[in-house]
Amino acid sequence: MGASCAKPVCKPLSGDFDDRYRPQRLFYPAGFAVYITLNRRKIMPAKVPHSSNVAGDFYVEDGCCTSCSMPFTVAPDLFESHPDGHCYVSKQPTIPAEVHRMTMAFEVQDVGCIRYKGQNRVIKILLIGKGEGDQIDHLDADLDLLNREVKADRWGLK
């Protein structure tokens, strides 16, 4: 494939792809390469929690918050706002009522900054059922399939 590139400036785009998938490289005269990865998923970088989050399974992603204040409308006891306007999880839910309020915060958030990194399958299934499965850091294969089915059903593709 390198022989088809007339200029030495033609380089493939960088990115971490799963080793099982070999993207095709298409070289264009302008000197850039484009990866076509049909039906393949790129490995996403790990989400970084904001430094003010308390330790636990729920967190607000660093640099993601738009200061919408929506989580405060349903779970004011679980969130606080940093002086720069970035919200963060100030208390991890410990009782079922708090878990319910935390999962409601997932539904009202504007851009998906609240995330779940825990291993509790019940909470994962609850979030998937609410259409928030993409906010879970680690989904097992069966739950990933369930998440895709729920999304397809919500989008009317099923």
N, C-alpha and C. Protein backbone atom coordinates (compact mmCIF):
# COMPACT_ATOMS: atom_id res chain seq x y z
N MET A 1 0.81 -1.20 0.00
CA MET A 1 0.00 0.00 0.00
C MET A 1 0.85 1.26 0.00
N GLY A 2 2.03 1.20 0.60
CA GLY A 2 2.88 2.36 0.66
C GLY A 2 3.36 2.81 -0.71
N ALA A 3 3.43 1.90 -1.68
CA ALA A 3 3.90 2.24 -3.01
C ALA A 3 2.92 3.15 -3.73
N SER A 4 1.63 3.12 -3.36
CA SER A 4 0.65 3.95 -4.03
C SER A 4 0.72 5.41 -3.59
N CYS A 5 1.48 5.68 -2.58
CA CYS A 5 1.62 7.04 -2.07
C CYS A 5 2.82 7.69 -2.72
N ALA A 6 2.60 8.73 -3.49
CA ALA A 6 3.69 9.38 -4.21
C ALA A 6 4.48 10.32 -3.31
N LYS A 7 3.88 10.82 -2.27
CA LYS A 7 4.56 11.78 -1.41
C LYS A 7 4.92 11.14 -0.08
N PRO A 8 6.07 11.45 0.51
CA PRO A 8 6.46 10.88 1.79
C PRO A 8 5.63 11.42 2.96
N VAL A 9 4.82 12.45 2.73
CA VAL A 9 4.02 13.01 3.82
C VAL A 9 2.76 12.20 4.09
N CYS A 10 2.47 11.21 3.26
CA CYS A 10 1.28 10.39 3.48
C CYS A 10 1.54 9.45 4.64
N LYS A 11 0.84 9.67 5.74
CA LYS A 11 1.00 8.83 6.92
C LYS A 11 -0.37 8.43 7.41
N PRO A 12 -0.49 7.22 7.94
CA PRO A 12 -1.79 6.83 8.50
C PRO A 12 -2.09 7.66 9.74
N LEU A 13 -3.37 7.89 9.99
CA LEU A 13 -3.77 8.59 11.19
C LEU A 13 -3.45 7.73 12.41
N SER A 14 -3.07 8.37 13.50
CA SER A 14 -2.75 7.60 14.70
C SER A 14 -4.03 7.28 15.45
N GLY A 15 -3.98 6.22 16.21
CA GLY A 15 -5.14 5.81 17.00
C GLY A 15 -4.92 4.41 17.52
N ASP A 16 -5.52 4.12 18.67
CA ASP A 16 -5.40 2.80 19.26
C ASP A 16 -6.59 1.96 18.81
N PHE A 17 -6.34 1.03 17.92
CA PHE A 17 -7.40 0.16 17.46
C PHE A 17 -7.21 -1.23 18.05
N ASP A 18 -8.29 -1.89 18.29
CA ASP A 18 -8.26 -3.26 18.76
C ASP A 18 -7.48 -4.09 17.75
N ASP A 19 -6.56 -4.93 18.22
CA ASP A 19 -5.70 -5.71 17.33
C ASP A 19 -6.47 -6.66 16.43
N ARG A 20 -7.70 -7.01 16.80
CA ARG A 20 -8.47 -7.93 15.97
C ARG A 20 -8.93 -7.29 14.67
N TYR A 21 -8.95 -5.98 14.63
CA TYR A 21 -9.44 -5.30 13.45
C TYR A 21 -8.28 -4.64 12.70
N ARG A 22 -8.23 -4.86 11.44
CA ARG A 22 -7.20 -4.26 10.60
C ARG A 22 -7.87 -3.24 9.69
N PRO A 23 -7.80 -1.98 10.02
CA PRO A 23 -8.44 -0.99 9.18
C PRO A 23 -7.76 -0.88 7.82
N GLN A 24 -8.55 -0.57 6.81
CA GLN A 24 -8.00 -0.35 5.48
C GLN A 24 -7.49 1.07 5.42
N ARG A 25 -6.35 1.27 4.78
CA ARG A 25 -5.81 2.60 4.62
C ARG A 25 -6.05 3.08 3.20
N LEU A 26 -6.64 4.23 3.07
CA LEU A 26 -6.84 4.84 1.76
C LEU A 26 -6.00 6.09 1.70
N PHE A 27 -5.11 6.16 0.73
CA PHE A 27 -4.25 7.32 0.59
C PHE A 27 -4.84 8.27 -0.43
N TYR A 28 -4.91 9.52 -0.08
CA TYR A 28 -5.45 10.53 -0.96
C TYR A 28 -4.32 11.43 -1.45
N PRO A 29 -4.47 12.06 -2.60
CA PRO A 29 -3.42 12.90 -3.16
C PRO A 29 -3.00 14.04 -2.24
N ALA A 30 -3.90 14.49 -1.38
CA ALA A 30 -3.55 15.61 -0.50
C ALA A 30 -2.51 15.22 0.54
N GLY A 31 -2.22 13.94 0.65
CA GLY A 31 -1.17 13.51 1.57
C GLY A 31 -1.67 13.06 2.93
N PHE A 32 -2.91 12.70 3.05
CA PHE A 32 -3.39 12.19 4.32
C PHE A 32 -4.03 10.84 4.12
N ALA A 33 -4.08 10.09 5.18
CA ALA A 33 -4.67 8.75 5.11
C ALA A 33 -5.97 8.74 5.91
N VAL A 34 -6.88 7.96 5.45
CA VAL A 34 -8.16 7.82 6.14
C VAL A 34 -8.37 6.36 6.47
N TYR A 35 -8.76 6.09 7.69
CA TYR A 35 -9.07 4.72 8.08
C TYR A 35 -10.56 4.48 7.86
N ILE A 36 -10.88 3.41 7.23
CA ILE A 36 -12.26 3.00 7.13
C ILE A 36 -12.41 1.76 7.99
N THR A 37 -13.22 1.88 8.99
CA THR A 37 -13.44 0.75 9.89
C THR A 37 -14.93 0.50 9.96
N LEU A 38 -15.44 -0.23 9.02
CA LEU A 38 -16.85 -0.54 8.99
C LEU A 38 -17.18 -1.61 10.01
N ASN A 39 -18.22 -1.38 10.79
CA ASN A 39 -18.68 -2.32 11.80
C ASN A 39 -17.60 -2.67 12.81
N ARG A 40 -16.77 -1.72 13.13
CA ARG A 40 -15.72 -1.94 14.12
C ARG A 40 -15.76 -0.79 15.10
N ARG A 41 -15.38 -1.07 16.34
CA ARG A 41 -15.40 -0.04 17.36
C ARG A 41 -13.99 0.33 17.75
N LYS A 42 -13.70 1.61 17.77
CA LYS A 42 -12.41 2.10 18.21
C LYS A 42 -12.36 2.05 19.74
N ILE A 43 -11.22 1.69 20.27
CA ILE A 43 -11.05 1.65 21.72
C ILE A 43 -11.00 3.09 22.22
N MET A 44 -11.90 3.42 23.11
CA MET A 44 -11.98 4.77 23.62
C MET A 44 -11.01 4.95 24.79
N PRO A 45 -10.46 6.14 24.93
CA PRO A 45 -9.57 6.38 26.07
C PRO A 45 -10.35 6.29 27.37
N ALA A 46 -9.65 5.94 28.42
CA ALA A 46 -10.28 5.81 29.74
C ALA A 46 -10.80 7.17 30.19
N LYS A 47 -11.94 7.16 30.83
CA LYS A 47 -12.53 8.39 31.37
C LYS A 47 -11.80 8.74 32.66
N VAL A 48 -11.52 10.01 32.85
CA VAL A 48 -10.79 10.47 34.02
C VAL A 48 -11.75 11.20 34.95
N PRO A 49 -11.90 10.72 36.18
CA PRO A 49 -12.79 11.40 37.13
C PRO A 49 -12.22 12.76 37.56
N HIS A 50 -13.11 13.70 37.83
CA HIS A 50 -12.69 14.99 38.37
C HIS A 50 -12.03 14.74 39.72
N SER A 51 -11.02 15.50 40.04
CA SER A 51 -10.24 15.26 41.27
C SER A 51 -11.05 15.46 42.55
N SER A 52 -12.14 16.18 42.49
CA SER A 52 -12.95 16.43 43.69
C SER A 52 -13.95 15.32 44.00
N ASN A 53 -14.17 14.39 43.07
CA ASN A 53 -15.09 13.29 43.34
C ASN A 53 -14.64 12.49 44.55
N VAL A 54 -15.60 12.06 45.38
CA VAL A 54 -15.25 11.15 46.46
C VAL A 54 -15.02 9.77 45.86
N ALA A 55 -14.22 8.96 46.53
CA ALA A 55 -13.93 7.62 46.03
C ALA A 55 -15.21 6.80 45.99
N GLY A 56 -15.36 6.03 44.93
CA GLY A 56 -16.54 5.18 44.80
C GLY A 56 -16.85 4.88 43.35
N ASP A 57 -18.00 4.24 43.13
CA ASP A 57 -18.37 3.77 41.80
C ASP A 57 -18.92 4.85 40.88
N PHE A 58 -19.55 5.87 41.42
CA PHE A 58 -20.11 6.95 40.60
C PHE A 58 -19.13 8.11 40.59
N TYR A 59 -19.02 8.77 39.44
CA TYR A 59 -18.13 9.92 39.34
C TYR A 59 -18.57 10.83 38.21
N VAL A 60 -18.07 12.07 38.25
CA VAL A 60 -18.27 13.02 37.16
C VAL A 60 -16.94 13.11 36.43
N GLU A 61 -17.00 12.97 35.12
CA GLU A 61 -15.79 12.99 34.29
C GLU A 61 -15.15 14.38 34.31
N ASP A 62 -13.84 14.41 34.41
CA ASP A 62 -13.10 15.66 34.44
C ASP A 62 -13.19 16.37 33.09
N GLY A 63 -13.44 17.66 33.14
CA GLY A 63 -13.48 18.47 31.92
C GLY A 63 -14.74 18.32 31.09
N CYS A 64 -15.71 17.60 31.58
CA CYS A 64 -16.92 17.33 30.80
C CYS A 64 -18.08 18.22 31.23
N CYS A 65 -18.12 18.62 32.46
CA CYS A 65 -19.26 19.34 33.03
C CYS A 65 -19.48 20.69 32.34
N THR A 66 -20.74 20.98 32.04
CA THR A 66 -21.09 22.26 31.42
C THR A 66 -21.76 23.20 32.43
N SER A 67 -21.71 22.85 33.71
CA SER A 67 -22.32 23.64 34.79
C SER A 67 -23.82 23.81 34.58
N CYS A 68 -24.48 22.75 34.12
CA CYS A 68 -25.92 22.81 33.85
C CYS A 68 -26.74 22.78 35.13
N SER A 69 -26.18 22.30 36.21
CA SER A 69 -26.83 22.19 37.52
C SER A 69 -28.00 21.22 37.55
N MET A 70 -28.18 20.44 36.50
CA MET A 70 -29.30 19.49 36.46
C MET A 70 -29.21 18.39 37.52
N PRO A 71 -28.02 17.82 37.81
CA PRO A 71 -27.97 16.79 38.85
C PRO A 71 -28.45 17.30 40.22
N PHE A 72 -28.30 18.59 40.48
CA PHE A 72 -28.72 19.16 41.76
C PHE A 72 -30.24 19.17 41.90
N THR A 73 -30.96 19.10 40.78
CA THR A 73 -32.43 19.13 40.83
C THR A 73 -33.00 17.83 41.38
N VAL A 74 -32.29 16.71 41.19
CA VAL A 74 -32.80 15.41 41.66
C VAL A 74 -31.98 14.80 42.79
N ALA A 75 -30.71 15.20 42.91
CA ALA A 75 -29.85 14.62 43.95
C ALA A 75 -28.92 15.68 44.55
N PRO A 76 -29.49 16.70 45.18
CA PRO A 76 -28.64 17.77 45.72
C PRO A 76 -27.71 17.29 46.84
N ASP A 77 -28.09 16.21 47.51
CA ASP A 77 -27.27 15.70 48.60
C ASP A 77 -26.08 14.88 48.11
N LEU A 78 -26.06 14.51 46.82
CA LEU A 78 -24.99 13.66 46.28
C LEU A 78 -23.98 14.42 45.42
N PHE A 79 -24.30 15.66 45.07
CA PHE A 79 -23.43 16.45 44.20
C PHE A 79 -23.09 17.79 44.84
N GLU A 80 -21.92 18.29 44.50
CA GLU A 80 -21.52 19.65 44.87
C GLU A 80 -20.84 20.27 43.67
N SER A 81 -20.66 21.56 43.73
CA SER A 81 -20.05 22.28 42.63
C SER A 81 -18.70 22.83 43.04
N HIS A 82 -17.69 22.61 42.22
CA HIS A 82 -16.34 23.13 42.43
C HIS A 82 -16.39 24.64 42.19
N PRO A 83 -15.48 25.42 42.77
CA PRO A 83 -15.49 26.87 42.53
C PRO A 83 -15.41 27.25 41.04
N ASP A 84 -14.82 26.39 40.21
CA ASP A 84 -14.74 26.70 38.77
C ASP A 84 -16.03 26.35 38.05
N GLY A 85 -17.05 25.86 38.77
CA GLY A 85 -18.34 25.54 38.17
C GLY A 85 -18.53 24.07 37.84
N HIS A 86 -17.47 23.29 37.88
CA HIS A 86 -17.53 21.86 37.55
C HIS A 86 -18.20 21.12 38.70
N CYS A 87 -19.23 20.33 38.41
CA CYS A 87 -19.86 19.55 39.49
C CYS A 87 -19.08 18.26 39.73
N TYR A 88 -19.31 17.65 40.86
CA TYR A 88 -18.64 16.40 41.22
C TYR A 88 -19.49 15.65 42.23
N VAL A 89 -19.23 14.35 42.34
CA VAL A 89 -19.95 13.52 43.31
C VAL A 89 -19.33 13.76 44.68
N SER A 90 -20.14 14.30 45.59
CA SER A 90 -19.65 14.62 46.93
C SER A 90 -19.96 13.52 47.93
N LYS A 91 -20.91 12.64 47.57
CA LYS A 91 -21.28 11.54 48.46
C LYS A 91 -21.75 10.38 47.60
N GLN A 92 -21.17 9.22 47.84
CA GLN A 92 -21.61 8.02 47.12
C GLN A 92 -22.92 7.52 47.73
N PRO A 93 -23.85 7.06 46.90
CA PRO A 93 -25.11 6.55 47.44
C PRO A 93 -24.89 5.28 48.27
N THR A 94 -25.57 5.21 49.41
CA THR A 94 -25.41 4.05 50.29
C THR A 94 -26.72 3.32 50.55
N ILE A 95 -27.83 4.01 50.37
CA ILE A 95 -29.13 3.38 50.58
C ILE A 95 -29.89 3.39 49.24
N PRO A 96 -30.90 2.52 49.09
CA PRO A 96 -31.63 2.44 47.82
C PRO A 96 -32.20 3.78 47.34
N ALA A 97 -32.68 4.62 48.24
CA ALA A 97 -33.24 5.91 47.84
C ALA A 97 -32.17 6.80 47.21
N GLU A 98 -30.95 6.74 47.76
CA GLU A 98 -29.85 7.53 47.18
C GLU A 98 -29.43 6.97 45.83
N VAL A 99 -29.41 5.65 45.69
CA VAL A 99 -29.08 5.04 44.40
C VAL A 99 -30.11 5.46 43.36
N HIS A 100 -31.38 5.48 43.76
CA HIS A 100 -32.44 5.91 42.84
C HIS A 100 -32.22 7.36 42.41
N ARG A 101 -31.91 8.25 43.35
CA ARG A 101 -31.67 9.66 43.00
C ARG A 101 -30.45 9.80 42.12
N MET A 102 -29.41 9.00 42.37
CA MET A 102 -28.21 9.07 41.54
C MET A 102 -28.53 8.64 40.11
N THR A 103 -29.29 7.56 39.95
CA THR A 103 -29.63 7.11 38.60
C THR A 103 -30.57 8.10 37.91
N MET A 104 -31.38 8.82 38.68
CA MET A 104 -32.21 9.88 38.09
C MET A 104 -31.32 11.02 37.59
N ALA A 105 -30.21 11.28 38.28
CA ALA A 105 -29.28 12.32 37.83
C ALA A 105 -28.70 11.96 36.47
N PHE A 106 -28.50 10.66 36.20
CA PHE A 106 -28.04 10.23 34.88
C PHE A 106 -29.03 10.66 33.80
N GLU A 107 -30.32 10.55 34.12
CA GLU A 107 -31.36 10.87 33.14
C GLU A 107 -31.48 12.36 32.84
N VAL A 108 -31.23 13.21 33.82
CA VAL A 108 -31.42 14.65 33.61
C VAL A 108 -30.16 15.38 33.19
N GLN A 109 -29.01 14.73 33.26
CA GLN A 109 -27.77 15.42 32.90
C GLN A 109 -27.79 15.82 31.43
N ASP A 110 -27.07 16.89 31.11
CA ASP A 110 -27.09 17.42 29.75
C ASP A 110 -26.20 16.66 28.78
N VAL A 111 -24.96 16.38 29.15
CA VAL A 111 -24.01 15.82 28.18
C VAL A 111 -23.39 14.49 28.58
N GLY A 112 -23.85 13.86 29.60
CA GLY A 112 -23.35 12.53 29.94
C GLY A 112 -22.04 12.52 30.69
N CYS A 113 -21.87 13.43 31.62
CA CYS A 113 -20.63 13.51 32.40
C CYS A 113 -20.64 12.59 33.62
N ILE A 114 -21.80 12.24 34.11
CA ILE A 114 -21.90 11.35 35.26
C ILE A 114 -21.72 9.93 34.75
N ARG A 115 -20.85 9.18 35.39
CA ARG A 115 -20.51 7.84 34.91
C ARG A 115 -20.53 6.84 36.06
N TYR A 116 -20.58 5.55 35.68
CA TYR A 116 -20.57 4.46 36.66
C TYR A 116 -19.43 3.51 36.30
N LYS A 117 -18.55 3.25 37.27
CA LYS A 117 -17.43 2.34 37.03
C LYS A 117 -17.48 1.10 37.91
N GLY A 118 -18.58 0.90 38.60
CA GLY A 118 -18.72 -0.23 39.51
C GLY A 118 -19.05 -1.53 38.79
N GLN A 119 -19.22 -2.59 39.58
CA GLN A 119 -19.47 -3.93 39.04
C GLN A 119 -20.85 -4.47 39.41
N ASN A 120 -21.69 -3.67 40.04
CA ASN A 120 -23.01 -4.12 40.46
C ASN A 120 -23.91 -4.28 39.23
N ARG A 121 -24.28 -5.53 38.92
CA ARG A 121 -25.09 -5.81 37.72
C ARG A 121 -26.49 -5.18 37.81
N VAL A 122 -27.04 -5.11 39.00
CA VAL A 122 -28.38 -4.53 39.16
C VAL A 122 -28.35 -3.06 38.77
N ILE A 123 -27.34 -2.33 39.23
CA ILE A 123 -27.22 -0.91 38.87
C ILE A 123 -26.97 -0.77 37.37
N LYS A 124 -26.13 -1.64 36.82
CA LYS A 124 -25.87 -1.58 35.37
C LYS A 124 -27.15 -1.81 34.57
N ILE A 125 -27.93 -2.81 34.96
CA ILE A 125 -29.18 -3.10 34.24
C ILE A 125 -30.17 -1.94 34.41
N LEU A 126 -30.21 -1.36 35.60
CA LEU A 126 -31.08 -0.21 35.85
C LEU A 126 -30.70 0.96 34.93
N LEU A 127 -29.41 1.25 34.82
CA LEU A 127 -28.95 2.34 33.96
C LEU A 127 -29.23 2.03 32.48
N ILE A 128 -29.01 0.80 32.07
CA ILE A 128 -29.30 0.41 30.69
C ILE A 128 -30.78 0.59 30.40
N GLY A 129 -31.63 0.17 31.32
CA GLY A 129 -33.07 0.31 31.16
C GLY A 129 -33.52 1.75 31.04
N LYS A 130 -32.77 2.66 31.65
CA LYS A 130 -33.09 4.09 31.57
C LYS A 130 -32.48 4.73 30.32
N GLY A 131 -31.78 3.92 29.52
CA GLY A 131 -31.15 4.45 28.31
C GLY A 131 -29.80 5.09 28.56
N GLU A 132 -29.20 4.80 29.69
CA GLU A 132 -27.92 5.41 30.07
C GLU A 132 -26.78 4.39 30.09
N GLY A 133 -26.90 3.31 29.34
CA GLY A 133 -25.88 2.27 29.32
C GLY A 133 -24.53 2.74 28.81
N ASP A 134 -24.51 3.78 27.97
CA ASP A 134 -23.23 4.28 27.46
C ASP A 134 -22.43 5.02 28.53
N GLN A 135 -23.05 5.29 29.67
CA GLN A 135 -22.36 5.96 30.76
C GLN A 135 -21.71 4.98 31.73
N ILE A 136 -21.73 3.69 31.38
CA ILE A 136 -21.10 2.66 32.22
C ILE A 136 -19.74 2.34 31.63
N ASP A 137 -18.71 2.39 32.45
CA ASP A 137 -17.34 2.20 31.95
C ASP A 137 -17.07 0.79 31.44
N HIS A 138 -17.56 -0.22 32.13
CA HIS A 138 -17.25 -1.60 31.75
C HIS A 138 -18.54 -2.42 31.67
N LEU A 139 -18.90 -2.80 30.43
CA LEU A 139 -20.07 -3.63 30.23
C LEU A 139 -19.64 -5.02 29.79
N ASP A 140 -20.17 -6.05 30.45
CA ASP A 140 -19.94 -7.42 30.00
C ASP A 140 -20.63 -7.59 28.65
N ALA A 141 -20.26 -8.63 27.93
CA ALA A 141 -20.78 -8.84 26.58
C ALA A 141 -22.31 -8.93 26.56
N ASP A 142 -22.89 -9.62 27.53
CA ASP A 142 -24.35 -9.76 27.54
C ASP A 142 -25.04 -8.43 27.83
N LEU A 143 -24.45 -7.62 28.70
CA LEU A 143 -25.03 -6.32 29.00
C LEU A 143 -24.81 -5.33 27.86
N ASP A 144 -23.69 -5.47 27.16
CA ASP A 144 -23.44 -4.63 25.98
C ASP A 144 -24.50 -4.91 24.92
N LEU A 145 -24.82 -6.17 24.72
CA LEU A 145 -25.87 -6.55 23.77
C LEU A 145 -27.22 -5.98 24.21
N LEU A 146 -27.53 -6.10 25.50
CA LEU A 146 -28.76 -5.54 26.04
C LEU A 146 -28.81 -4.02 25.82
N ASN A 147 -27.68 -3.35 26.05
CA ASN A 147 -27.60 -1.91 25.87
C ASN A 147 -27.90 -1.54 24.41
N ARG A 148 -27.32 -2.28 23.47
CA ARG A 148 -27.56 -2.00 22.05
C ARG A 148 -29.02 -2.25 21.68
N GLU A 149 -29.63 -3.29 22.25
CA GLU A 149 -31.03 -3.57 21.97
C GLU A 149 -31.94 -2.47 22.52
N VAL A 150 -31.64 -1.99 23.72
CA VAL A 150 -32.44 -0.92 24.32
C VAL A 150 -32.32 0.34 23.48
N LYS A 151 -31.10 0.68 23.05
CA LYS A 151 -30.92 1.87 22.22
C LYS A 151 -31.66 1.73 20.89
N ALA A 152 -31.58 0.56 20.26
CA ALA A 152 -32.28 0.35 19.00
C ALA A 152 -33.79 0.48 19.20
N ASP A 153 -34.28 -0.03 20.31
CA ASP A 153 -35.71 0.05 20.59
C ASP A 153 -36.13 1.51 20.81
N ARG A 154 -35.31 2.26 21.54
CA ARG A 154 -35.63 3.66 21.80
C ARG A 154 -35.58 4.50 20.52
N TRP A 155 -34.68 4.16 19.61
CA TRP A 155 -34.53 4.92 18.36
C TRP A 155 -35.49 4.44 17.29
N GLY A 156 -36.30 3.42 17.60
CA GLY A 156 -37.27 2.91 16.65
C GLY A 156 -36.65 2.07 15.56
N LEU A 157 -35.49 1.48 15.82
CA LEU A 157 -34.81 0.67 14.82
C LEU A 157 -35.13 -0.80 14.96
N LYS A 158 -35.96 -1.15 15.90
CA LYS A 158 -36.25 -2.55 16.18
C LYS A 158 -37.63 -2.90 15.75
